[in-house]
Amino acid sequence: MRVVITVVSFVVFLLIVWWAYSGRQKQRFDEAANLPFADDDMQERTVEEQLAENRRNSTDIKSAGQSAARATAEQEVPHV
């Protein structure tokens, strides 16, 4: 019985090794191997995008505030 279990285990091991090194899996494994590096790049890019968006929003808020002040000043009519 031990011999049968050992032989079956060895055959399963060889099948797993054959599957892992088959050419059809190479692209998938290469992509998976590069995931940690892609995550760092994505996180840095995301932080840069957030900073750029904050700068745009800050500029938009300032220009909107100036436009509102001008509109208010134009609408005010001195009371006689």
Protein backbone atom coordinates (compact mmCIF):
# COMPACT_ATOMS: atom_id res chain seq x y z
CA MET A 1 0.00 0.00 0.00
CA ARG A 2 2.84 2.43 0.82
CA VAL A 3 4.42 1.77 -2.55
CA VAL A 4 1.19 2.60 -4.39
CA ILE A 5 0.75 5.87 -2.45
CA THR A 6 4.38 6.80 -3.11
CA VAL A 7 4.09 6.10 -6.84
CA VAL A 8 0.78 7.98 -7.16
CA SER A 9 2.24 10.93 -5.22
CA PHE A 10 5.30 10.98 -7.47
CA VAL A 11 3.14 10.90 -10.62
CA VAL A 12 1.00 13.76 -9.29
CA PHE A 13 4.17 15.71 -8.50
CA LEU A 14 5.46 15.16 -12.05
CA LEU A 15 2.12 16.29 -13.51
CA ILE A 16 2.20 19.49 -11.44
CA VAL A 17 5.78 20.21 -12.54
CA TRP A 18 4.86 19.53 -16.18
CA TRP A 19 1.82 21.86 -15.90
CA ALA A 20 3.84 24.63 -14.23
CA TYR A 21 6.58 24.60 -16.85
CA SER A 22 4.34 24.16 -19.87
CA GLY A 23 4.50 26.96 -22.43
CA ARG A 24 0.80 27.77 -22.08
CA GLN A 25 1.30 28.92 -18.48
CA LYS A 26 4.43 31.05 -19.08
CA GLN A 27 2.65 34.33 -19.85
CA ARG A 28 0.28 33.97 -16.91
CA PHE A 29 3.13 33.22 -14.49
CA ASP A 30 5.24 36.09 -15.88
CA GLU A 31 2.38 38.52 -15.26
CA ALA A 32 1.89 37.16 -11.75
CA ALA A 33 5.62 37.49 -11.06
CA ASN A 34 5.51 41.20 -11.97
CA LEU A 35 2.43 42.03 -9.87
CA PRO A 36 4.38 43.32 -6.83
CA PHE A 37 6.24 45.80 -9.03
CA ALA A 38 3.10 46.89 -10.87
CA ASP A 39 1.37 47.56 -7.55
CA ASP A 40 4.15 49.95 -6.45
CA ASP A 41 4.02 51.76 -9.79
CA MET A 42 0.24 52.02 -9.59
CA GLN A 43 0.36 53.32 -6.03
CA GLU A 44 2.95 55.98 -6.93
CA ARG A 45 0.95 56.97 -9.99
CA THR A 46 -2.22 57.16 -7.91
CA VAL A 47 -0.55 59.43 -5.35
CA GLU A 48 0.77 61.67 -8.14
CA GLU A 49 -2.70 61.80 -9.72
CA GLN A 50 -4.25 62.72 -6.37
CA LEU A 51 -1.73 65.51 -5.85
CA ALA A 52 -2.38 66.85 -9.36
CA GLU A 53 -6.13 66.71 -8.77
CA ASN A 54 -5.74 68.54 -5.46
CA ARG A 55 -3.75 71.26 -7.21
CA ARG A 56 -6.43 71.58 -9.91
CA ASN A 57 -9.19 71.73 -7.30
CA SER A 58 -7.29 74.34 -5.32
CA THR A 59 -6.87 76.46 -8.43
CA ASP A 60 -10.55 75.99 -9.35
CA ILE A 61 -11.67 77.01 -5.86
CA LYS A 62 -9.51 80.15 -5.93
CA SER A 63 -10.76 81.16 -9.37
CA ALA A 64 -14.37 80.41 -8.37
CA GLY A 65 -13.97 82.54 -5.26
CA GLN A 66 -12.57 85.42 -7.29
CA SER A 67 -15.39 85.09 -9.84
CA ALA A 68 -17.99 85.10 -7.08
CA ALA A 69 -16.44 88.18 -5.49
CA ARG A 70 -16.48 89.98 -8.85
CA ALA A 71 -20.08 88.98 -9.51
CA THR A 72 -21.13 90.17 -6.06
CA ALA A 73 -19.32 93.48 -6.53
CA GLU A 74 -20.96 94.00 -9.92
CA GLN A 75 -24.41 93.25 -8.56
CA GLU A 76 -24.18 95.61 -5.61
CA VAL A 77 -25.87 98.90 -6.29
CA PRO A 78 -25.20 101.79 -3.94
CA HIS A 79 -28.31 102.84 -2.02
CA VAL A 80 -29.26 106.44 -2.38
